[in-house]
Amino acid sequence: MTRTELMTFVNETAGPGILSTGDGAGEVNAAVFGSVRMVDEETLVLGLGENRSLAHLRQNPRAVFLVFRPGASVLGWQGARIYLQVSGIETDGGHLEAMVRDVARTAGRAAGRAIKARVIFQITEVRPLLDLTKQIP
């Protein structure tokens, strides 16, 4: 999937994705989020509450976001694994306020109120959701 195709897929996929993070000590977390957007082919933004994912990202700026659309069987699923590096965390300002309004409009006021940070990620790598071509011994 090209970055242009990925951007279209991320921004048009109605379902949520999964953000995987790890803290400074190596403890891991995976959580479902729907407030994700690619603003260009190199940048993904995500709205987060004051939660474990945000705490992890403050300690360890690397993460992976899985975005997918189920198919008739697992082999028919579409999507990608997007490897990320935090480039900024906004806890106030116009961009965060706009994201809160957007989330409230699409997911409800309670979801909008839960957003406390707008996390900006640089996309470092994109891999297929399912990669059946490579075997690791």
N, C-alpha and C. Protein backbone atom coordinates (compact mmCIF):
# COMPACT_ATOMS: atom_id res chain seq x y z
N MET A 1 0.85 -1.16 0.00
CA MET A 1 0.00 0.00 0.00
C MET A 1 0.91 1.24 0.00
N THR A 2 0.70 2.13 -0.96
CA THR A 2 1.47 3.37 -0.99
C THR A 2 1.03 4.29 0.14
N ARG A 3 1.83 5.31 0.42
CA ARG A 3 1.45 6.25 1.48
C ARG A 3 0.17 7.00 1.11
N THR A 4 -0.03 7.29 -0.17
CA THR A 4 -1.25 7.96 -0.61
C THR A 4 -2.45 7.05 -0.37
N GLU A 5 -2.33 5.77 -0.72
CA GLU A 5 -3.40 4.80 -0.47
C GLU A 5 -3.65 4.63 1.03
N LEU A 6 -2.56 4.61 1.81
CA LEU A 6 -2.69 4.49 3.26
C LEU A 6 -3.46 5.68 3.84
N MET A 7 -3.13 6.87 3.38
CA MET A 7 -3.79 8.06 3.88
C MET A 7 -5.29 8.00 3.60
N THR A 8 -5.66 7.61 2.41
CA THR A 8 -7.07 7.46 2.06
C THR A 8 -7.71 6.39 2.93
N PHE A 9 -7.04 5.26 3.10
CA PHE A 9 -7.58 4.16 3.90
C PHE A 9 -7.79 4.59 5.34
N VAL A 10 -6.79 5.21 5.96
CA VAL A 10 -6.89 5.64 7.36
C VAL A 10 -8.02 6.64 7.53
N ASN A 11 -8.07 7.63 6.65
CA ASN A 11 -9.04 8.71 6.80
C ASN A 11 -10.46 8.31 6.42
N GLU A 12 -10.62 7.23 5.68
CA GLU A 12 -11.96 6.81 5.26
C GLU A 12 -12.47 5.57 5.99
N THR A 13 -11.60 4.86 6.72
CA THR A 13 -12.03 3.67 7.42
C THR A 13 -12.86 4.09 8.62
N ALA A 14 -14.09 3.60 8.67
CA ALA A 14 -15.00 4.03 9.73
C ALA A 14 -14.67 3.38 11.07
N GLY A 15 -14.11 2.18 11.04
CA GLY A 15 -13.85 1.46 12.28
C GLY A 15 -12.62 1.95 13.01
N PRO A 16 -12.48 1.56 14.27
CA PRO A 16 -11.32 1.96 15.06
C PRO A 16 -10.09 1.15 14.70
N GLY A 17 -8.96 1.58 15.24
CA GLY A 17 -7.70 0.86 15.09
C GLY A 17 -7.12 0.58 16.46
N ILE A 18 -5.99 -0.10 16.48
CA ILE A 18 -5.35 -0.49 17.72
C ILE A 18 -3.98 0.16 17.83
N LEU A 19 -3.75 0.89 18.92
CA LEU A 19 -2.47 1.53 19.20
C LEU A 19 -1.74 0.67 20.22
N SER A 20 -0.51 0.27 19.87
CA SER A 20 0.33 -0.49 20.78
C SER A 20 1.49 0.38 21.22
N THR A 21 1.72 0.43 22.55
CA THR A 21 2.76 1.26 23.13
C THR A 21 3.53 0.46 24.16
N GLY A 22 4.69 0.98 24.55
CA GLY A 22 5.47 0.40 25.63
C GLY A 22 6.04 1.53 26.47
N ASP A 23 6.11 1.33 27.77
CA ASP A 23 6.66 2.39 28.62
C ASP A 23 8.18 2.27 28.69
N GLY A 24 8.80 3.09 29.52
CA GLY A 24 10.25 3.10 29.65
C GLY A 24 10.83 1.82 30.22
N ALA A 25 10.02 1.03 30.93
CA ALA A 25 10.48 -0.22 31.54
C ALA A 25 10.13 -1.44 30.70
N GLY A 26 9.50 -1.22 29.55
CA GLY A 26 9.16 -2.33 28.68
C GLY A 26 7.77 -2.91 28.89
N GLU A 27 6.97 -2.33 29.79
CA GLU A 27 5.59 -2.78 29.95
C GLU A 27 4.80 -2.33 28.73
N VAL A 28 3.99 -3.22 28.17
CA VAL A 28 3.29 -2.92 26.93
C VAL A 28 1.80 -2.71 27.16
N ASN A 29 1.17 -2.09 26.18
CA ASN A 29 -0.25 -1.81 26.23
C ASN A 29 -0.77 -1.79 24.79
N ALA A 30 -2.00 -2.22 24.63
CA ALA A 30 -2.70 -2.09 23.35
C ALA A 30 -4.10 -1.59 23.65
N ALA A 31 -4.56 -0.62 22.87
CA ALA A 31 -5.86 -0.03 23.12
C ALA A 31 -6.52 0.37 21.80
N VAL A 32 -7.82 0.39 21.81
CA VAL A 32 -8.62 0.73 20.62
C VAL A 32 -8.88 2.23 20.61
N PHE A 33 -8.63 2.86 19.46
CA PHE A 33 -8.87 4.29 19.28
C PHE A 33 -9.49 4.53 17.92
N GLY A 34 -10.38 5.52 17.85
CA GLY A 34 -11.01 5.89 16.59
C GLY A 34 -10.68 7.29 16.15
N SER A 35 -10.02 8.05 17.00
CA SER A 35 -9.75 9.47 16.70
C SER A 35 -8.41 9.64 16.00
N VAL A 36 -8.24 8.97 14.88
CA VAL A 36 -6.97 8.99 14.15
C VAL A 36 -7.16 9.62 12.78
N ARG A 37 -6.16 10.37 12.35
CA ARG A 37 -6.16 10.99 11.03
C ARG A 37 -4.72 11.07 10.53
N MET A 38 -4.57 10.88 9.24
CA MET A 38 -3.29 11.20 8.59
C MET A 38 -3.46 12.57 7.98
N VAL A 39 -2.63 13.52 8.38
CA VAL A 39 -2.73 14.88 7.87
C VAL A 39 -1.91 15.06 6.61
N ASP A 40 -0.94 14.19 6.40
CA ASP A 40 -0.18 14.11 5.16
C ASP A 40 0.41 12.71 5.09
N GLU A 41 1.21 12.43 4.09
CA GLU A 41 1.70 11.06 3.90
C GLU A 41 2.77 10.65 4.91
N GLU A 42 3.22 11.56 5.73
CA GLU A 42 4.27 11.27 6.72
C GLU A 42 3.81 11.45 8.16
N THR A 43 2.58 11.95 8.37
CA THR A 43 2.15 12.36 9.71
C THR A 43 0.78 11.78 10.06
N LEU A 44 0.71 11.18 11.24
CA LEU A 44 -0.54 10.66 11.77
C LEU A 44 -0.80 11.38 13.09
N VAL A 45 -2.05 11.76 13.34
CA VAL A 45 -2.42 12.40 14.61
C VAL A 45 -3.51 11.56 15.27
N LEU A 46 -3.48 11.57 16.59
CA LEU A 46 -4.39 10.75 17.37
C LEU A 46 -4.79 11.51 18.62
N GLY A 47 -6.06 11.50 18.94
CA GLY A 47 -6.55 12.11 20.17
C GLY A 47 -6.55 11.09 21.29
N LEU A 48 -5.96 11.46 22.43
CA LEU A 48 -5.89 10.55 23.57
C LEU A 48 -6.38 11.22 24.83
N GLY A 49 -6.91 10.42 25.73
CA GLY A 49 -7.23 10.88 27.07
C GLY A 49 -6.00 10.73 27.95
N GLU A 50 -6.16 11.07 29.23
CA GLU A 50 -5.07 10.83 30.20
C GLU A 50 -5.14 9.35 30.56
N ASN A 51 -4.50 8.54 29.76
CA ASN A 51 -4.61 7.10 29.91
C ASN A 51 -3.24 6.44 29.83
N ARG A 52 -3.22 5.14 29.89
CA ARG A 52 -1.98 4.38 29.86
C ARG A 52 -1.20 4.62 28.56
N SER A 53 -1.91 4.69 27.45
CA SER A 53 -1.23 4.91 26.17
C SER A 53 -0.47 6.23 26.18
N LEU A 54 -1.10 7.30 26.64
CA LEU A 54 -0.44 8.60 26.69
C LEU A 54 0.73 8.58 27.67
N ALA A 55 0.55 7.94 28.81
CA ALA A 55 1.65 7.83 29.78
C ALA A 55 2.83 7.09 29.17
N HIS A 56 2.56 6.01 28.45
CA HIS A 56 3.64 5.26 27.79
C HIS A 56 4.36 6.13 26.76
N LEU A 57 3.59 6.87 25.95
CA LEU A 57 4.21 7.69 24.90
C LEU A 57 5.06 8.80 25.49
N ARG A 58 4.74 9.27 26.67
CA ARG A 58 5.57 10.29 27.32
C ARG A 58 6.91 9.70 27.77
N GLN A 59 6.96 8.38 27.98
CA GLN A 59 8.20 7.71 28.39
C GLN A 59 8.95 7.11 27.20
N ASN A 60 8.21 6.61 26.24
CA ASN A 60 8.79 5.92 25.09
C ASN A 60 8.02 6.39 23.86
N PRO A 61 8.66 7.16 22.98
CA PRO A 61 7.93 7.79 21.87
C PRO A 61 7.62 6.88 20.69
N ARG A 62 7.86 5.60 20.81
CA ARG A 62 7.60 4.69 19.68
C ARG A 62 6.30 3.91 19.91
N ALA A 63 5.59 3.70 18.80
CA ALA A 63 4.31 2.98 18.87
C ALA A 63 4.02 2.34 17.52
N VAL A 64 3.01 1.50 17.51
CA VAL A 64 2.51 0.90 16.27
C VAL A 64 0.99 1.06 16.28
N PHE A 65 0.44 1.50 15.15
CA PHE A 65 -1.01 1.61 15.00
C PHE A 65 -1.45 0.63 13.92
N LEU A 66 -2.39 -0.25 14.26
CA LEU A 66 -2.98 -1.17 13.29
C LEU A 66 -4.32 -0.62 12.85
N VAL A 67 -4.45 -0.42 11.56
CA VAL A 67 -5.71 0.03 10.99
C VAL A 67 -6.17 -1.08 10.04
N PHE A 68 -7.46 -1.43 10.11
CA PHE A 68 -7.90 -2.57 9.34
C PHE A 68 -9.39 -2.49 9.03
N ARG A 69 -9.75 -3.25 8.03
CA ARG A 69 -11.15 -3.44 7.65
C ARG A 69 -11.33 -4.95 7.48
N PRO A 70 -12.20 -5.58 8.29
CA PRO A 70 -12.39 -7.03 8.19
C PRO A 70 -12.92 -7.45 6.83
N GLY A 71 -12.53 -8.65 6.44
CA GLY A 71 -13.01 -9.25 5.21
C GLY A 71 -13.81 -10.51 5.53
N ALA A 72 -14.13 -11.27 4.50
CA ALA A 72 -14.91 -12.48 4.68
C ALA A 72 -14.15 -13.51 5.52
N SER A 73 -12.83 -13.52 5.42
CA SER A 73 -11.97 -14.36 6.25
C SER A 73 -10.75 -13.52 6.62
N VAL A 74 -9.93 -14.01 7.53
CA VAL A 74 -8.76 -13.25 7.95
C VAL A 74 -7.87 -12.90 6.76
N LEU A 75 -7.72 -13.80 5.81
CA LEU A 75 -6.89 -13.52 4.64
C LEU A 75 -7.48 -12.43 3.75
N GLY A 76 -8.75 -12.11 3.94
CA GLY A 76 -9.39 -11.05 3.17
C GLY A 76 -9.37 -9.69 3.85
N TRP A 77 -8.81 -9.63 5.05
CA TRP A 77 -8.74 -8.35 5.75
C TRP A 77 -7.83 -7.40 5.02
N GLN A 78 -8.16 -6.11 5.07
CA GLN A 78 -7.34 -5.06 4.49
C GLN A 78 -6.81 -4.19 5.60
N GLY A 79 -5.65 -3.57 5.37
CA GLY A 79 -5.13 -2.66 6.37
C GLY A 79 -3.62 -2.61 6.38
N ALA A 80 -3.09 -2.04 7.46
CA ALA A 80 -1.64 -1.86 7.56
C ALA A 80 -1.22 -1.76 9.01
N ARG A 81 0.06 -2.04 9.24
CA ARG A 81 0.72 -1.78 10.52
C ARG A 81 1.56 -0.53 10.31
N ILE A 82 1.27 0.51 11.06
CA ILE A 82 1.93 1.80 10.88
C ILE A 82 2.85 2.04 12.08
N TYR A 83 4.15 2.07 11.82
CA TYR A 83 5.14 2.29 12.88
C TYR A 83 5.35 3.79 13.05
N LEU A 84 5.38 4.22 14.31
CA LEU A 84 5.29 5.64 14.63
C LEU A 84 6.37 6.10 15.61
N GLN A 85 6.68 7.39 15.52
CA GLN A 85 7.56 8.08 16.46
C GLN A 85 6.87 9.38 16.84
N VAL A 86 6.67 9.63 18.14
CA VAL A 86 6.03 10.87 18.58
C VAL A 86 6.90 12.06 18.17
N SER A 87 6.27 13.04 17.54
CA SER A 87 6.98 14.28 17.22
C SER A 87 6.42 15.45 18.02
N GLY A 88 5.28 15.25 18.69
CA GLY A 88 4.72 16.30 19.53
C GLY A 88 3.48 15.83 20.26
N ILE A 89 3.26 16.42 21.44
CA ILE A 89 2.05 16.16 22.21
C ILE A 89 1.47 17.52 22.58
N GLU A 90 0.27 17.82 22.07
CA GLU A 90 -0.39 19.10 22.35
C GLU A 90 -1.48 18.87 23.40
N THR A 91 -1.43 19.64 24.46
CA THR A 91 -2.45 19.53 25.51
C THR A 91 -3.33 20.77 25.58
N ASP A 92 -3.13 21.71 24.65
CA ASP A 92 -4.01 22.87 24.52
C ASP A 92 -3.82 23.45 23.13
N GLY A 93 -4.66 24.40 22.79
CA GLY A 93 -4.53 25.08 21.50
C GLY A 93 -5.61 24.71 20.51
N GLY A 94 -5.59 25.42 19.40
CA GLY A 94 -6.63 25.31 18.39
C GLY A 94 -6.74 23.96 17.73
N HIS A 95 -5.61 23.30 17.47
CA HIS A 95 -5.67 21.97 16.84
C HIS A 95 -6.36 20.96 17.75
N LEU A 96 -6.02 21.00 19.05
CA LEU A 96 -6.66 20.09 20.00
C LEU A 96 -8.15 20.40 20.11
N GLU A 97 -8.50 21.68 20.20
CA GLU A 97 -9.91 22.06 20.30
C GLU A 97 -10.70 21.59 19.09
N ALA A 98 -10.11 21.71 17.90
CA ALA A 98 -10.78 21.24 16.69
C ALA A 98 -10.96 19.72 16.72
N MET A 99 -9.96 19.00 17.21
CA MET A 99 -10.07 17.56 17.29
C MET A 99 -11.17 17.16 18.28
N VAL A 100 -11.23 17.82 19.41
CA VAL A 100 -12.26 17.54 20.41
C VAL A 100 -13.65 17.75 19.80
N ARG A 101 -13.83 18.86 19.06
CA ARG A 101 -15.12 19.12 18.41
C ARG A 101 -15.46 18.03 17.40
N ASP A 102 -14.46 17.61 16.62
CA ASP A 102 -14.68 16.59 15.60
C ASP A 102 -15.06 15.26 16.24
N VAL A 103 -14.35 14.87 17.29
CA VAL A 103 -14.65 13.62 17.99
C VAL A 103 -16.04 13.69 18.61
N ALA A 104 -16.38 14.81 19.23
CA ALA A 104 -17.71 14.98 19.83
C ALA A 104 -18.80 14.85 18.78
N ARG A 105 -18.56 15.41 17.59
CA ARG A 105 -19.55 15.34 16.51
C ARG A 105 -19.72 13.92 16.00
N THR A 106 -18.62 13.17 15.87
CA THR A 106 -18.70 11.84 15.28
C THR A 106 -18.94 10.72 16.28
N ALA A 107 -18.45 10.88 17.52
CA ALA A 107 -18.54 9.79 18.49
C ALA A 107 -19.33 10.15 19.74
N GLY A 108 -19.77 11.40 19.85
CA GLY A 108 -20.54 11.81 21.01
C GLY A 108 -19.76 12.72 21.94
N ARG A 109 -20.51 13.50 22.72
CA ARG A 109 -19.89 14.49 23.62
C ARG A 109 -18.97 13.86 24.65
N ALA A 110 -19.36 12.71 25.20
CA ALA A 110 -18.52 12.07 26.22
C ALA A 110 -17.16 11.69 25.62
N ALA A 111 -17.15 11.19 24.39
CA ALA A 111 -15.88 10.85 23.73
C ALA A 111 -15.05 12.10 23.49
N GLY A 112 -15.69 13.19 23.08
CA GLY A 112 -14.97 14.44 22.87
C GLY A 112 -14.35 14.97 24.15
N ARG A 113 -15.12 14.90 25.24
CA ARG A 113 -14.59 15.38 26.53
C ARG A 113 -13.43 14.54 27.02
N ALA A 114 -13.35 13.29 26.61
CA ALA A 114 -12.27 12.40 27.05
C ALA A 114 -10.93 12.75 26.42
N ILE A 115 -10.95 13.44 25.28
CA ILE A 115 -9.70 13.79 24.58
C ILE A 115 -8.98 14.89 25.35
N LYS A 116 -7.77 14.59 25.82
CA LYS A 116 -6.98 15.56 26.58
C LYS A 116 -5.67 15.92 25.89
N ALA A 117 -5.31 15.18 24.84
CA ALA A 117 -4.06 15.44 24.13
C ALA A 117 -4.20 15.07 22.67
N ARG A 118 -3.55 15.84 21.84
CA ARG A 118 -3.43 15.55 20.41
C ARG A 118 -1.99 15.14 20.19
N VAL A 119 -1.79 13.86 19.86
CA VAL A 119 -0.44 13.34 19.69
C VAL A 119 -0.12 13.32 18.20
N ILE A 120 1.01 13.91 17.85
CA ILE A 120 1.47 13.97 16.47
C ILE A 120 2.60 12.97 16.31
N PHE A 121 2.45 12.09 15.33
CA PHE A 121 3.44 11.06 15.07
C PHE A 121 4.06 11.23 13.69
N GLN A 122 5.34 10.96 13.59
CA GLN A 122 5.99 10.77 12.29
C GLN A 122 5.86 9.29 11.97
N ILE A 123 5.46 8.99 10.75
CA ILE A 123 5.37 7.59 10.31
C ILE A 123 6.76 7.15 9.90
N THR A 124 7.28 6.12 10.57
CA THR A 124 8.64 5.65 10.29
C THR A 124 8.68 4.44 9.37
N GLU A 125 7.59 3.67 9.36
CA GLU A 125 7.53 2.48 8.51
C GLU A 125 6.08 2.06 8.35
N VAL A 126 5.76 1.49 7.22
CA VAL A 126 4.43 0.92 6.99
C VAL A 126 4.63 -0.50 6.51
N ARG A 127 3.93 -1.43 7.16
CA ARG A 127 4.00 -2.84 6.76
C ARG A 127 2.59 -3.33 6.50
N PRO A 128 2.46 -4.37 5.68
CA PRO A 128 1.12 -4.92 5.43
C PRO A 128 0.50 -5.44 6.73
N LEU A 129 -0.81 -5.43 6.78
CA LEU A 129 -1.50 -6.00 7.93
C LEU A 129 -1.17 -7.47 8.06
N LEU A 130 -1.25 -8.18 6.97
CA LEU A 130 -0.87 -9.60 6.92
C LEU A 130 0.27 -9.74 5.95
N ASP A 131 1.37 -10.29 6.41
CA ASP A 131 2.54 -10.47 5.54
C ASP A 131 2.87 -11.95 5.51
N LEU A 132 2.41 -12.61 4.46
CA LEU A 132 2.61 -14.05 4.33
C LEU A 132 3.79 -14.38 3.44
N THR A 133 4.52 -13.35 3.00
CA THR A 133 5.62 -13.59 2.07
C THR A 133 6.95 -13.85 2.75
N LYS A 134 7.11 -13.43 3.99
CA LYS A 134 8.40 -13.57 4.68
C LYS A 134 8.30 -14.59 5.80
N GLN A 135 9.25 -15.44 5.85
CA GLN A 135 9.34 -16.42 6.92
C GLN A 135 10.59 -16.14 7.74
N ILE A 136 10.45 -16.04 9.04
CA ILE A 136 11.59 -15.83 9.92
C ILE A 136 11.87 -17.15 10.62
N PRO A 137 13.09 -17.67 10.50
CA PRO A 137 13.40 -18.97 11.12
C PRO A 137 13.31 -18.94 12.62
